[in-house]
Amino acid sequence: MKKALATLIVALSATSAFAQTTSPTTATPATPATPATAATPAVPATPATPADPATPITSDTSGGTGATSATAASPAVPATPATAATPATPADKTDVKQDKHTKHDKKSSQKDAKGTSTHK
């Protein structure tokens, strides 16, 4: 395998080298230089806007007695009593029994498949 890979690499290298030496050696003409474009005139600067005068800081908490009155709490709303659960219908019970039988049948078929397996 290594010898075949080495032979392939040598063959590809040889064909690549041959292709490089046999290609025509005509030089591509240089692209002519593009003329320079005129400079874009500068945009005049926007004059600065005057600064807003400083607003004096006033305290909203000055004055008054500082006393606050407590707000009365609203009365609690009584909880809604829980409703009793409805009993299961016979159809629901049948479905549960059917599910148990299905699971049992599935386990049995898996055991049967393991017993007849030829792999050891």
PDB file of N, CA and C in Angstrom:
ATOM      1  N   MET A   1       0.829  -1.186   0.000  1.00  0.00           N
ATOM      2  CA  MET A   1       0.000   0.000   0.000  1.00  0.00           C
ATOM      3  C   MET A   1       0.877   1.254   0.000  1.00  0.00           C
ATOM      4  N   LYS A   2       1.942   1.260   0.837  1.00  0.00           N
ATOM      5  CA  LYS A   2       2.826   2.422   0.902  1.00  0.00           C
ATOM      6  C   LYS A   2       3.560   2.612  -0.423  1.00  0.00           C
ATOM      7  N   LYS A   3       3.942   1.486  -1.052  1.00  0.00           N
ATOM      8  CA  LYS A   3       4.668   1.569  -2.316  1.00  0.00           C
ATOM      9  C   LYS A   3       3.766   2.141  -3.408  1.00  0.00           C
ATOM     10  N   ALA A   4       2.516   1.712  -3.421  1.00  0.00           N
ATOM     11  CA  ALA A   4       1.573   2.213  -4.423  1.00  0.00           C
ATOM     12  C   ALA A   4       1.324   3.704  -4.223  1.00  0.00           C
ATOM     13  N   LEU A   5       1.229   4.125  -2.983  1.00  0.00           N
ATOM     14  CA  LEU A   5       1.017   5.538  -2.672  1.00  0.00           C
ATOM     15  C   LEU A   5       2.236   6.364  -3.087  1.00  0.00           C
ATOM     16  N   ALA A   6       3.422   5.848  -2.809  1.00  0.00           N
ATOM     17  CA  ALA A   6       4.653   6.546  -3.193  1.00  0.00           C
ATOM     18  C   ALA A   6       4.755   6.653  -4.713  1.00  0.00           C
ATOM     19  N   THR A   7       4.400   5.587  -5.428  1.00  0.00           N
ATOM     20  CA  THR A   7       4.435   5.592  -6.890  1.00  0.00           C
ATOM     21  C   THR A   7       3.461   6.627  -7.441  1.00  0.00           C
ATOM     22  N   LEU A   8       2.307   6.717  -6.854  1.00  0.00           N
ATOM     23  CA  LEU A   8       1.298   7.683  -7.287  1.00  0.00           C
ATOM     24  C   LEU A   8       1.799   9.112  -7.084  1.00  0.00           C
ATOM     25  N   ILE A   9       2.418   9.360  -5.951  1.00  0.00           N
ATOM     26  CA  ILE A   9       2.943  10.702  -5.661  1.00  0.00           C
ATOM     27  C   ILE A   9       4.037  11.070  -6.657  1.00  0.00           C
ATOM     28  N   VAL A  10       4.929  10.144  -6.943  1.00  0.00           N
ATOM     29  CA  VAL A  10       6.010  10.404  -7.896  1.00  0.00           C
ATOM     30  C   VAL A  10       5.432  10.666  -9.283  1.00  0.00           C
ATOM     31  N   ALA A  11       4.435   9.892  -9.680  1.00  0.00           N
ATOM     32  CA  ALA A  11       3.831  10.063 -11.004  1.00  0.00           C
ATOM     33  C   ALA A  11       3.148  11.423 -11.114  1.00  0.00           C
ATOM     34  N   LEU A  12       2.439  11.820 -10.085  1.00  0.00           N
ATOM     35  CA  LEU A  12       1.766  13.120 -10.109  1.00  0.00           C
ATOM     36  C   LEU A  12       2.778  14.256 -10.122  1.00  0.00           C
ATOM     37  N   SER A  13       3.845  14.115  -9.386  1.00  0.00           N
ATOM     38  CA  SER A  13       4.888  15.144  -9.365  1.00  0.00           C
ATOM     39  C   SER A  13       5.531  15.279 -10.737  1.00  0.00           C
ATOM     40  N   ALA A  14       5.776  14.157 -11.387  1.00  0.00           N
ATOM     41  CA  ALA A  14       6.413  14.178 -12.703  1.00  0.00           C
ATOM     42  C   ALA A  14       5.501  14.850 -13.725  1.00  0.00           C
ATOM     43  N   THR A  15       4.221  14.529 -13.715  1.00  0.00           N
ATOM     44  CA  THR A  15       3.307  15.146 -14.680  1.00  0.00           C
ATOM     45  C   THR A  15       3.152  16.624 -14.390  1.00  0.00           C
ATOM     46  N   SER A  16       3.184  17.007 -13.146  1.00  0.00           N
ATOM     47  CA  SER A  16       3.086  18.416 -12.789  1.00  0.00           C
ATOM     48  C   SER A  16       4.318  19.169 -13.274  1.00  0.00           C
ATOM     49  N   ALA A  17       5.488  18.593 -13.074  1.00  0.00           N
ATOM     50  CA  ALA A  17       6.730  19.222 -13.515  1.00  0.00           C
ATOM     51  C   ALA A  17       6.762  19.312 -15.036  1.00  0.00           C
ATOM     52  N   PHE A  18       6.300  18.268 -15.726  1.00  0.00           N
ATOM     53  CA  PHE A  18       6.266  18.268 -17.185  1.00  0.00           C
ATOM     54  C   PHE A  18       5.321  19.355 -17.690  1.00  0.00           C
ATOM     55  N   ALA A  19       4.162  19.490 -17.056  1.00  0.00           N
ATOM     56  CA  ALA A  19       3.191  20.497 -17.475  1.00  0.00           C
ATOM     57  C   ALA A  19       3.749  21.901 -17.287  1.00  0.00           C
ATOM     58  N   GLN A  20       4.557  22.100 -16.267  1.00  0.00           N
ATOM     59  CA  GLN A  20       5.121  23.424 -16.022  1.00  0.00           C
ATOM     60  C   GLN A  20       6.190  23.769 -17.052  1.00  0.00           C
ATOM     61  N   THR A  21       6.945  22.789 -17.466  1.00  0.00           N
ATOM     62  CA  THR A  21       8.043  23.082 -18.395  1.00  0.00           C
ATOM     63  C   THR A  21       7.554  23.182 -19.822  1.00  0.00           C
ATOM     64  N   THR A  22       6.441  22.576 -20.183  1.00  0.00           N
ATOM     65  CA  THR A  22       5.985  22.586 -21.567  1.00  0.00           C
ATOM     66  C   THR A  22       4.978  23.685 -21.843  1.00  0.00           C
ATOM     67  N   SER A  23       4.591  24.452 -20.858  1.00  0.00           N
ATOM     68  CA  SER A  23       3.613  25.515 -21.108  1.00  0.00           C
ATOM     69  C   SER A  23       4.300  26.683 -21.805  1.00  0.00           C
ATOM     70  N   PRO A  24       3.560  27.439 -22.623  1.00  0.00           N
ATOM     71  CA  PRO A  24       4.183  28.575 -23.317  1.00  0.00           C
ATOM     72  C   PRO A  24       4.638  29.628 -22.311  1.00  0.00           C
ATOM     73  N   THR A  25       5.717  30.305 -22.635  1.00  0.00           N
ATOM     74  CA  THR A  25       6.293  31.264 -21.701  1.00  0.00           C
ATOM     75  C   THR A  25       6.019  32.697 -22.129  1.00  0.00           C
ATOM     76  N   THR A  26       4.874  32.969 -22.717  1.00  0.00           N
ATOM     77  CA  THR A  26       4.549  34.338 -23.125  1.00  0.00           C
ATOM     78  C   THR A  26       4.135  35.125 -21.895  1.00  0.00           C
ATOM     79  N   ALA A  27       4.718  36.282 -21.768  1.00  0.00           N
ATOM     80  CA  ALA A  27       4.405  37.121 -20.608  1.00  0.00           C
ATOM     81  C   ALA A  27       3.095  37.864 -20.849  1.00  0.00           C
ATOM     82  N   THR A  28       2.349  38.028 -19.822  1.00  0.00           N
ATOM     83  CA  THR A  28       1.099  38.777 -19.912  1.00  0.00           C
ATOM     84  C   THR A  28       1.447  40.263 -19.880  1.00  0.00           C
ATOM     85  N   PRO A  29       0.887  41.055 -20.805  1.00  0.00           N
ATOM     86  CA  PRO A  29       1.213  42.483 -20.794  1.00  0.00           C
ATOM     87  C   PRO A  29       0.693  43.149 -19.528  1.00  0.00           C
ATOM     88  N   ALA A  30       1.416  44.135 -19.082  1.00  0.00           N
ATOM     89  CA  ALA A  30       1.030  44.837 -17.854  1.00  0.00           C
ATOM     90  C   ALA A  30      -0.215  45.677 -18.100  1.00  0.00           C
ATOM     91  N   THR A  31      -1.032  45.797 -17.088  1.00  0.00           N
ATOM     92  CA  THR A  31      -2.231  46.622 -17.181  1.00  0.00           C
ATOM     93  C   THR A  31      -1.804  48.088 -17.115  1.00  0.00           C
ATOM     94  N   PRO A  32      -2.304  48.928 -18.036  1.00  0.00           N
ATOM     95  CA  PRO A  32      -1.905  50.334 -17.993  1.00  0.00           C
ATOM     96  C   PRO A  32      -2.407  51.007 -16.720  1.00  0.00           C
ATOM     97  N   ALA A  33      -1.657  51.962 -16.243  1.00  0.00           N
ATOM     98  CA  ALA A  33      -2.023  52.661 -15.009  1.00  0.00           C
ATOM     99  C   ALA A  33      -3.253  53.525 -15.253  1.00  0.00           C
ATOM    100  N   THR A  34      -4.107  53.609 -14.263  1.00  0.00           N
ATOM    101  CA  THR A  34      -5.301  54.448 -14.385  1.00  0.00           C
ATOM    102  C   THR A  34      -4.942  55.866 -13.983  1.00  0.00           C
ATOM    103  N   PRO A  35      -5.506  56.858 -14.682  1.00  0.00           N
ATOM    104  CA  PRO A  35      -5.179  58.239 -14.333  1.00  0.00           C
ATOM    105  C   PRO A  35      -5.725  58.592 -12.956  1.00  0.00           C
ATOM    106  N   ALA A  36      -5.064  59.494 -12.294  1.00  0.00           N
ATOM    107  CA  ALA A  36      -5.488  59.903 -10.952  1.00  0.00           C
ATOM    108  C   ALA A  36      -6.789  60.691 -11.043  1.00  0.00           C
ATOM    109  N   THR A  37      -7.656  60.497 -10.072  1.00  0.00           N
ATOM    110  CA  THR A  37      -8.921  61.234 -10.046  1.00  0.00           C
ATOM    111  C   THR A  37      -8.726  62.519  -9.268  1.00  0.00           C
ATOM    112  N   ALA A  38      -9.539  63.503  -9.614  1.00  0.00           N
ATOM    113  CA  ALA A  38      -9.436  64.800  -8.939  1.00  0.00           C
ATOM    114  C   ALA A  38      -9.868  64.651  -7.491  1.00  0.00           C
ATOM    115  N   ALA A  39      -9.255  65.431  -6.635  1.00  0.00           N
ATOM    116  CA  ALA A  39      -9.582  65.367  -5.207  1.00  0.00           C
ATOM    117  C   ALA A  39     -10.974  65.929  -4.969  1.00  0.00           C
ATOM    118  N   THR A  40     -11.707  65.332  -4.065  1.00  0.00           N
ATOM    119  CA  THR A  40     -13.044  65.802  -3.706  1.00  0.00           C
ATOM    120  C   THR A  40     -12.890  67.019  -2.802  1.00  0.00           C
ATOM    121  N   PRO A  41     -13.640  68.103  -3.102  1.00  0.00           N
ATOM    122  CA  PRO A  41     -13.509  69.285  -2.242  1.00  0.00           C
ATOM    123  C   PRO A  41     -13.975  68.975  -0.822  1.00  0.00           C
ATOM    124  N   ALA A  42     -13.341  69.611   0.128  1.00  0.00           N
ATOM    125  CA  ALA A  42     -13.675  69.370   1.532  1.00  0.00           C
ATOM    126  C   ALA A  42     -15.036  69.964   1.867  1.00  0.00           C
ATOM    127  N   VAL A  43     -15.785  69.296   2.706  1.00  0.00           N
ATOM    128  CA  VAL A  43     -17.085  69.780   3.158  1.00  0.00           C
ATOM    129  C   VAL A  43     -16.823  70.745   4.310  1.00  0.00           C
ATOM    130  N   PRO A  44     -17.470  71.938   4.271  1.00  0.00           N
ATOM    131  CA  PRO A  44     -17.231  72.876   5.375  1.00  0.00           C
ATOM    132  C   PRO A  44     -17.702  72.292   6.704  1.00  0.00           C
ATOM    133  N   ALA A  45     -16.992  72.609   7.752  1.00  0.00           N
ATOM    134  CA  ALA A  45     -17.326  72.080   9.079  1.00  0.00           C
ATOM    135  C   ALA A  45     -18.620  72.707   9.584  1.00  0.00           C
ATOM    136  N   THR A  46     -19.412  71.923  10.292  1.00  0.00           N
ATOM    137  CA  THR A  46     -20.652  72.415  10.885  1.00  0.00           C
ATOM    138  C   THR A  46     -20.293  73.260  12.100  1.00  0.00           C
ATOM    139  N   PRO A  47     -20.892  74.469  12.200  1.00  0.00           N
ATOM    140  CA  PRO A  47     -20.561  75.299  13.362  1.00  0.00           C
ATOM    141  C   PRO A  47     -21.039  74.643  14.653  1.00  0.00           C
ATOM    142  N   ALA A  48     -20.307  74.859  15.710  1.00  0.00           N
ATOM    143  CA  ALA A  48     -20.656  74.268  17.005  1.00  0.00           C
ATOM    144  C   ALA A  48     -21.919  74.923  17.550  1.00  0.00           C
ATOM    145  N   THR A  49     -22.740  74.129  18.209  1.00  0.00           N
ATOM    146  CA  THR A  49     -23.957  74.677  18.822  1.00  0.00           C
ATOM    147  C   THR A  49     -23.608  75.212  20.199  1.00  0.00           C
ATOM    148  N   PRO A  50     -24.286  76.288  20.609  1.00  0.00           N
ATOM    149  CA  PRO A  50     -23.975  76.842  21.930  1.00  0.00           C
ATOM    150  C   PRO A  50     -24.368  75.868  23.034  1.00  0.00           C
ATOM    151  N   ALA A  51     -23.616  75.850  24.094  1.00  0.00           N
ATOM    152  CA  ALA A  51     -23.886  74.952  25.215  1.00  0.00           C
ATOM    153  C   ALA A  51     -25.120  75.422  25.966  1.00  0.00           C
ATOM    154  N   ASP A  52     -25.906  74.454  26.466  1.00  0.00           N
ATOM    155  CA  ASP A  52     -27.080  74.804  27.269  1.00  0.00           C
ATOM    156  C   ASP A  52     -26.610  75.295  28.629  1.00  0.00           C
ATOM    157  N   PRO A  53     -27.282  76.325  29.150  1.00  0.00           N
ATOM    158  CA  PRO A  53     -26.888  76.780  30.488  1.00  0.00           C
ATOM    159  C   PRO A  53     -27.201  75.704  31.524  1.00  0.00           C
ATOM    160  N   ALA A  54     -26.409  75.611  32.548  1.00  0.00           N
ATOM    161  CA  ALA A  54     -26.596  74.594  33.586  1.00  0.00           C
ATOM    162  C   ALA A  54     -27.897  74.843  34.321  1.00  0.00           C
ATOM    163  N   THR A  55     -28.646  73.782  34.581  1.00  0.00           N
ATOM    164  CA  THR A  55     -29.901  73.883  35.312  1.00  0.00           C
ATOM    165  C   THR A  55     -29.587  73.746  36.795  1.00  0.00           C
ATOM    166  N   PRO A  56     -30.089  74.676  37.604  1.00  0.00           N
ATOM    167  CA  PRO A  56     -29.809  74.552  39.043  1.00  0.00           C
ATOM    168  C   PRO A  56     -30.490  73.313  39.618  1.00  0.00           C
ATOM    169  N   ILE A  57     -29.818  72.621  40.523  1.00  0.00           N
ATOM    170  CA  ILE A  57     -30.356  71.414  41.149  1.00  0.00           C
ATOM    171  C   ILE A  57     -31.211  71.829  42.334  1.00  0.00           C
ATOM    172  N   THR A  58     -32.450  71.325  42.309  1.00  0.00           N
ATOM    173  CA  THR A  58     -33.344  71.609  43.437  1.00  0.00           C
ATOM    174  C   THR A  58     -33.669  70.310  44.128  1.00  0.00           C
ATOM    175  N   SER A  59     -33.866  70.364  45.404  1.00  0.00           N
ATOM    176  CA  SER A  59     -34.177  69.169  46.174  1.00  0.00           C
ATOM    177  C   SER A  59     -35.682  69.041  46.284  1.00  0.00           C
ATOM    178  N   ASP A  60     -36.191  67.864  45.921  1.00  0.00           N
ATOM    179  CA  ASP A  60     -37.630  67.625  46.018  1.00  0.00           C
ATOM    180  C   ASP A  60     -38.034  67.273  47.435  1.00  0.00           C
ATOM    181  N   THR A  61     -37.097  66.980  48.293  1.00  0.00           N
ATOM    182  CA  THR A  61     -37.443  66.513  49.636  1.00  0.00           C
ATOM    183  C   THR A  61     -37.351  67.615  50.678  1.00  0.00           C
ATOM    184  N   SER A  62     -37.074  68.826  50.239  1.00  0.00           N
ATOM    185  CA  SER A  62     -36.929  69.883  51.248  1.00  0.00           C
ATOM    186  C   SER A  62     -38.298  70.340  51.742  1.00  0.00           C
ATOM    187  N   GLY A  63     -38.385  70.665  53.006  1.00  0.00           N
ATOM    188  CA  GLY A  63     -39.637  71.150  53.595  1.00  0.00           C
ATOM    189  C   GLY A  63     -40.525  70.020  54.047  1.00  0.00           C
ATOM    190  N   GLY A  64     -41.650  70.336  54.667  1.00  0.00           N
ATOM    191  CA  GLY A  64     -42.607  69.339  55.131  1.00  0.00           C
ATOM    192  C   GLY A  64     -42.205  68.779  56.469  1.00  0.00           C
ATOM    193  N   THR A  65     -43.111  67.984  57.051  1.00  0.00           N
ATOM    194  CA  THR A  65     -42.835  67.439  58.375  1.00  0.00           C
ATOM    195  C   THR A  65     -42.091  66.118  58.309  1.00  0.00           C
ATOM    196  N   GLY A  66     -42.139  65.453  57.178  1.00  0.00           N
ATOM    197  CA  GLY A  66     -41.445  64.182  57.056  1.00  0.00           C
ATOM    198  C   GLY A  66     -42.273  63.005  57.538  1.00  0.00           C
ATOM    199  N   ALA A  67     -43.447  63.244  58.048  1.00  0.00           N
ATOM    200  CA  ALA A  67     -44.284  62.150  58.541  1.00  0.00           C
ATOM    201  C   ALA A  67     -45.059  61.542  57.382  1.00  0.00           C
ATOM    202  N   THR A  68     -45.156  60.205  57.366  1.00  0.00           N
ATOM    203  CA  THR A  68     -45.954  59.521  56.343  1.00  0.00           C
ATOM    204  C   THR A  68     -47.013  58.698  57.043  1.00  0.00           C
ATOM    205  N   SER A  69     -48.125  58.533  56.362  1.00  0.00           N
ATOM    206  CA  SER A  69     -49.189  57.733  56.973  1.00  0.00           C
ATOM    207  C   SER A  69     -49.215  56.366  56.303  1.00  0.00           C
ATOM    208  N   ALA A  70     -49.462  55.337  57.083  1.00  0.00           N
ATOM    209  CA  ALA A  70     -49.499  53.975  56.565  1.00  0.00           C
ATOM    210  C   ALA A  70     -50.820  53.736  55.856  1.00  0.00           C
ATOM    211  N   THR A  71     -50.767  52.958  54.782  1.00  0.00           N
ATOM    212  CA  THR A  71     -51.974  52.605  54.044  1.00  0.00           C
ATOM    213  C   THR A  71     -52.501  51.292  54.609  1.00  0.00           C
ATOM    214  N   ALA A  72     -53.816  51.240  54.790  1.00  0.00           N
ATOM    215  CA  ALA A  72     -54.420  50.021  55.341  1.00  0.00           C
ATOM    216  C   ALA A  72     -54.343  48.903  54.315  1.00  0.00           C
ATOM    217  N   ALA A  73     -54.064  47.684  54.779  1.00  0.00           N
ATOM    218  CA  ALA A  73     -53.979  46.526  53.892  1.00  0.00           C
ATOM    219  C   ALA A  73     -55.370  46.107  53.465  1.00  0.00           C
ATOM    220  N   SER A  74     -55.487  45.614  52.232  1.00  0.00           N
ATOM    221  CA  SER A  74     -56.789  45.147  51.758  1.00  0.00           C
ATOM    222  C   SER A  74     -57.071  43.781  52.376  1.00  0.00           C
ATOM    223  N   PRO A  75     -58.349  43.469  52.579  1.00  0.00           N
ATOM    224  CA  PRO A  75     -58.680  42.175  53.202  1.00  0.00           C
ATOM    225  C   PRO A  75     -58.318  41.009  52.269  1.00  0.00           C
ATOM    226  N   ALA A  76     -57.953  39.875  52.859  1.00  0.00           N
ATOM    227  CA  ALA A  76     -57.569  38.702  52.083  1.00  0.00           C
ATOM    228  C   ALA A  76     -58.784  38.073  51.424  1.00  0.00           C
ATOM    229  N   VAL A  77     -58.590  37.541  50.241  1.00  0.00           N
ATOM    230  CA  VAL A  77     -59.664  36.861  49.520  1.00  0.00           C
ATOM    231  C   VAL A  77     -59.636  35.403  49.953  1.00  0.00           C
ATOM    232  N   PRO A  78     -60.795  34.847  50.339  1.00  0.00           N
ATOM    233  CA  PRO A  78     -60.794  33.440  50.769  1.00  0.00           C
ATOM    234  C   PRO A  78     -60.439  32.506  49.604  1.00  0.00           C
ATOM    235  N   ALA A  79     -59.761  31.417  49.933  1.00  0.00           N
ATOM    236  CA  ALA A  79     -59.345  30.460  48.912  1.00  0.00           C
ATOM    237  C   ALA A  79     -60.534  29.674  48.394  1.00  0.00           C
ATOM    238  N   THR A  80     -60.458  29.290  47.122  1.00  0.00           N
ATOM    239  CA  THR A  80     -61.514  28.483  46.519  1.00  0.00           C
ATOM    240  C   THR A  80     -61.329  27.046  46.993  1.00  0.00           C
ATOM    241  N   PRO A  81     -62.406  26.402  47.468  1.00  0.00           N
ATOM    242  CA  PRO A  81     -62.255  25.013  47.932  1.00  0.00           C
ATOM    243  C   PRO A  81     -61.911  24.084  46.767  1.00  0.00           C
ATOM    244  N   ALA A  82     -61.130  23.054  47.067  1.00  0.00           N
ATOM    245  CA  ALA A  82     -60.720  22.102  46.040  1.00  0.00           C
ATOM    246  C   ALA A  82     -61.882  21.209  45.654  1.00  0.00           C
ATOM    247  N   THR A  83     -61.935  20.831  44.395  1.00  0.00           N
ATOM    248  CA  THR A  83     -62.982  19.922  43.930  1.00  0.00           C
ATOM    249  C   THR A  83     -62.448  18.499  43.996  1.00  0.00           C
ATOM    250  N   ALA A  84     -63.326  17.569  44.256  1.00  0.00           N
ATOM    251  CA  ALA A  84     -62.931  16.165  44.372  1.00  0.00           C
ATOM    252  C   ALA A  84     -62.613  15.606  42.992  1.00  0.00           C
ATOM    253  N   ALA A  85     -61.665  14.684  42.936  1.00  0.00           N
ATOM    254  CA  ALA A  85     -61.297  14.064  41.666  1.00  0.00           C
ATOM    255  C   ALA A  85     -62.409  13.139  41.211  1.00  0.00           C
ATOM    256  N   THR A  86     -62.613  13.079  39.902  1.00  0.00           N
ATOM    257  CA  THR A  86     -63.648  12.196  39.369  1.00  0.00           C
ATOM    258  C   THR A  86     -63.074  10.789  39.264  1.00  0.00           C
ATOM    259  N   PRO A  87     -63.877   9.789  39.567  1.00  0.00           N
ATOM    260  CA  PRO A  87     -63.378   8.410  39.479  1.00  0.00           C
ATOM    261  C   PRO A  87     -63.106   8.021  38.022  1.00  0.00           C
ATOM    262  N   ALA A  88     -62.207   7.075  37.835  1.00  0.00           N
ATOM    263  CA  ALA A  88     -61.866   6.625  36.489  1.00  0.00           C
ATOM    264  C   ALA A  88     -63.030   5.872  35.879  1.00  0.00           C
ATOM    265  N   THR A  89     -63.214   6.055  34.586  1.00  0.00           N
ATOM    266  CA  THR A  89     -64.281   5.337  33.892  1.00  0.00           C
ATOM    267  C   THR A  89     -63.789   3.931  33.575  1.00  0.00           C
ATOM    268  N   PRO A  90     -64.700   3.005  33.373  1.00  0.00           N
ATOM    269  CA  PRO A  90     -64.281   1.628  33.061  1.00  0.00           C
ATOM    270  C   PRO A  90     -63.387   1.553  31.819  1.00  0.00           C
ATOM    271  N   ALA A  91     -63.589   2.409  30.850  1.00  0.00           N
ATOM    272  CA  ALA A  91     -62.759   2.379  29.639  1.00  0.00           C
ATOM    273  C   ALA A  91     -61.305   2.682  29.995  1.00  0.00           C
ATOM    274  N   ASP A  92     -61.075   3.600  30.924  1.00  0.00           N
ATOM    275  CA  ASP A  92     -59.712   3.928  31.333  1.00  0.00           C
ATOM    276  C   ASP A  92     -59.036   2.722  31.978  1.00  0.00           C
ATOM    277  N   LYS A  93     -59.774   2.008  32.800  1.00  0.00           N
ATOM    278  CA  LYS A  93     -59.209   0.834  33.461  1.00  0.00           C
ATOM    279  C   LYS A  93     -58.856  -0.243  32.435  1.00  0.00           C
ATOM    280  N   THR A  94     -59.672  -0.377  31.412  1.00  0.00           N
ATOM    281  CA  THR A  94     -59.413  -1.362  30.363  1.00  0.00           C
ATOM    282  C   THR A  94     -58.128  -1.015  29.626  1.00  0.00           C
ATOM    283  N   ASP A  95     -57.925   0.288  29.368  1.00  0.00           N
ATOM    284  CA  ASP A  95     -56.711   0.708  28.672  1.00  0.00           C
ATOM    285  C   ASP A  95     -55.472   0.364  29.487  1.00  0.00           C
ATOM    286  N   VAL A  96     -55.538   0.537  30.804  1.00  0.00           N
ATOM    287  CA  VAL A  96     -54.395   0.241  31.664  1.00  0.00           C
ATOM    288  C   VAL A  96     -54.085  -1.252  31.613  1.00  0.00           C
ATOM    289  N   LYS A  97     -55.131  -2.082  31.666  1.00  0.00           N
ATOM    290  CA  LYS A  97     -54.916  -3.527  31.587  1.00  0.00           C
ATOM    291  C   LYS A  97     -54.307  -3.899  30.234  1.00  0.00           C
ATOM    292  N   GLN A  98     -54.813  -3.277  29.169  1.00  0.00           N
ATOM    293  CA  GLN A  98     -54.302  -3.574  27.832  1.00  0.00           C
ATOM    294  C   GLN A  98     -52.830  -3.188  27.728  1.00  0.00           C
ATOM    295  N   ASP A  99     -52.444  -2.043  28.320  1.00  0.00           N
ATOM    296  CA  ASP A  99     -51.043  -1.605  28.302  1.00  0.00           C
ATOM    297  C   ASP A  99     -50.150  -2.620  29.015  1.00  0.00           C
ATOM    298  N   LYS A 100     -50.628  -3.165  30.138  1.00  0.00           N
ATOM    299  CA  LYS A 100     -49.840  -4.153  30.872  1.00  0.00           C
ATOM    300  C   LYS A 100     -49.630  -5.406  30.031  1.00  0.00           C
ATOM    301  N   HIS A 101     -50.710  -5.830  29.327  1.00  0.00           N
ATOM    302  CA  HIS A 101     -50.593  -7.016  28.476  1.00  0.00           C
ATOM    303  C   HIS A 101     -49.611  -6.756  27.328  1.00  0.00           C
ATOM    304  N   THR A 102     -49.659  -5.568  26.762  1.00  0.00           N
ATOM    305  CA  THR A 102     -48.765  -5.231  25.651  1.00  0.00           C
ATOM    306  C   THR A 102     -47.315  -5.263  26.109  1.00  0.00           C
ATOM    307  N   LYS A 103     -47.030  -4.702  27.274  1.00  0.00           N
ATOM    308  CA  LYS A 103     -45.665  -4.709  27.800  1.00  0.00           C
ATOM    309  C   LYS A 103     -45.196  -6.137  28.063  1.00  0.00           C
ATOM    310  N   HIS A 104     -46.097  -6.963  28.625  1.00  0.00           N
ATOM    311  CA  HIS A 104     -45.737  -8.353  28.919  1.00  0.00           C
ATOM    312  C   HIS A 104     -45.437  -9.111  27.623  1.00  0.00           C
ATOM    313  N   ASP A 105     -46.286  -8.895  26.601  1.00  0.00           N
ATOM    314  CA  ASP A 105     -46.077  -9.574  25.326  1.00  0.00           C
ATOM    315  C   ASP A 105     -44.747  -9.148  24.700  1.00  0.00           C
ATOM    316  N   LYS A 106     -44.410  -7.880  24.819  1.00  0.00           N
ATOM    317  CA  LYS A 106     -43.158  -7.376  24.253  1.00  0.00           C
ATOM    318  C   LYS A 106     -41.958  -8.020  24.952  1.00  0.00           C
ATOM    319  N   LYS A 107     -42.022  -8.117  26.299  1.00  0.00           N
ATOM    320  CA  LYS A 107     -40.930  -8.736  27.043  1.00  0.00           C
ATOM    321  C   LYS A 107     -40.797 -10.212  26.678  1.00  0.00           C
ATOM    322  N   SER A 108     -41.929 -10.878  26.521  1.00  0.00           N
ATOM    323  CA  SER A 108     -41.891 -12.299  26.168  1.00  0.00           C
ATOM    324  C   SER A 108     -41.248 -12.496  24.802  1.00  0.00           C
ATOM    325  N   SER A 109     -41.602 -11.636  23.852  1.00  0.00           N
ATOM    326  CA  SER A 109     -41.041 -11.795  22.508  1.00  0.00           C
ATOM    327  C   SER A 109     -39.541 -11.511  22.515  1.00  0.00           C
ATOM    328  N   GLN A 110     -39.096 -10.588  23.362  1.00  0.00           N
ATOM    329  CA  GLN A 110     -37.662 -10.319  23.455  1.00  0.00           C
ATOM    330  C   GLN A 110     -36.930 -11.507  24.065  1.00  0.00           C
ATOM    331  N   LYS A 111     -37.527 -12.130  25.082  1.00  0.00           N
ATOM    332  CA  LYS A 111     -36.905 -13.306  25.692  1.00  0.00           C
ATOM    333  C   LYS A 111     -36.834 -14.443  24.685  1.00  0.00           C
ATOM    334  N   ASP A 112     -37.914 -14.609  23.891  1.00  0.00           N
ATOM    335  CA  ASP A 112     -37.920 -15.658  22.879  1.00  0.00           C
ATOM    336  C   ASP A 112     -36.822 -15.406  21.844  1.00  0.00           C
ATOM    337  N   ALA A 113     -36.648 -14.167  21.470  1.00  0.00           N
ATOM    338  CA  ALA A 113     -35.626 -13.835  20.473  1.00  0.00           C
ATOM    339  C   ALA A 113     -34.232 -14.106  21.022  1.00  0.00           C
ATOM    340  N   LYS A 114     -34.010 -13.832  22.292  1.00  0.00           N
ATOM    341  CA  LYS A 114     -32.705 -14.088  22.901  1.00  0.00           C
ATOM    342  C   LYS A 114     -32.445 -15.590  23.002  1.00  0.00           C
ATOM    343  N   GLY A 115     -33.488 -16.354  23.267  1.00  0.00           N
ATOM    344  CA  GLY A 115     -33.323 -17.800  23.418  1.00  0.00           C
ATOM    345  C   GLY A 115     -32.977 -18.481  22.114  1.00  0.00           C
ATOM    346  N   THR A 116     -33.445 -17.941  20.975  1.00  0.00           N
ATOM    347  CA  THR A 116     -33.191 -18.585  19.687  1.00  0.00           C
ATOM    348  C   THR A 116     -31.978 -18.006  18.981  1.00  0.00           C
ATOM    349  N   SER A 117     -31.270 -17.099  19.615  1.00  0.00           N
ATOM    350  CA  SER A 117     -30.114 -16.457  18.989  1.00  0.00           C
ATOM    351  C   SER A 117     -28.983 -17.463  18.803  1.00  0.00           C
ATOM    352  N   THR A 118     -28.285 -17.341  17.663  1.00  0.00           N
ATOM    353  CA  THR A 118     -27.164 -18.247  17.398  1.00  0.00           C
ATOM    354  C   THR A 118     -25.841 -17.618  17.800  1.00  0.00           C
ATOM    355  N   HIS A 119     -25.846 -16.349  18.196  1.00  0.00           N
ATOM    356  CA  HIS A 119     -24.607 -15.672  18.609  1.00  0.00           C
ATOM    357  C   HIS A 119     -24.251 -16.064  20.033  1.00  0.00           C
ATOM    358  N   LYS A 120     -22.981 -16.420  20.243  1.00  0.00           N
ATOM    359  CA  LYS A 120     -22.548 -16.790  21.592  1.00  0.00           C
ATOM    360  C   LYS A 120     -21.246 -16.151  21.891  1.00  0.00           C
TER     361      LYS A 120
END
